[in-house]
Amino acid sequence: MADVKVQFLFDFGSPNAYLSHKVIGGIEARQQVRFEYVPVLLGGLFKLSGNRSPGEAFAGIENKQKFMMLEMRRFIERHGLTAYRRNPHFPVNTLQIMRGAIAAQRNGTFERYVDRMFAHMWEEGRKMDDAAVIRAALESDGLDATAFETAIQDADVKAALLANTQAAFERGAFGSPTFFVGDEMYFGKDQLRDVEEEIARVQSRT
C-alpha cells in the first residue's frame, strides 16, 4: 500500500471547515490514514488570492444564497451533524484562536484544542474574537488560558501562521476548507467524497 499525504487547510471561522472536521474522522477510519491539519488565516488567504467570503460575494444573488443553505442542510442531514448551529456573531475575527492553533501544535494540545474551538464556534455560538470569551472557553476545556495569551503574542507563532497562509496560496488555495492529497487540491466540503476516492486510489498503488 502506497503512503499518502493528506492535508486539511482550515480556519475556525469557516462553518464548512467545521462540517468537514466532523466528517474527516470517518474517512480516516475507513482509509486508515491521518489528515494533517494545517492552520491558515482565512482573511489573509482571501487577501492574497483576491477572493471574498461567500456571504459577501453572493450577497445580492438570492438564488445562490438559497442553494448554499440547501447544500449545507443536505450535508448536515447526510452526516447527522445535528450539533451544528449558525454562529450569531458571524463573521468572527479568528486571528487570535488561529494563532492559538499554532501554539497548541507546539505544546501538545492541538487535537483537543481544534475540536473544542470548532465546537465553541459552531455548536455553542460563542463570540470567539472576544478575549474574555476565549479565556472562559479555554478554562472550561481545561486548557491553560494564561499560556495561550502569552503564546499568541510570540513572534514565531505569528510568523508560522503567516507562513502557512502564504504557502497555501502558493499551492493554489483561495479559501477554507482546502484539502491536498499529495499535490492534488480539492476545495469545499462537497469534495470530501473525491478526496476519499483519491486517497483510496493512491493507496492502491503497488
Foldseek 3Di string as FASTA:
>chain_A
DFDKAKEWEDFLQDLQQLLLVVCVVVLCVVLVDDYHYFYAQQVVLCVVVVHDDCCVVCVPPVVVVVVVVVVVVVSCVVSVVVLFDAQPPPPARRLLLSLLLLVCVVPVNNVLSVNQSSCVVTRVNDRVNDLVRVLVSCVVSVHDSVVSVVSSPDPVSNVSNVVSSVVCVVLPDRGPGWMDTPSDIDHTSVCVVVVSVVSVVSVPDD
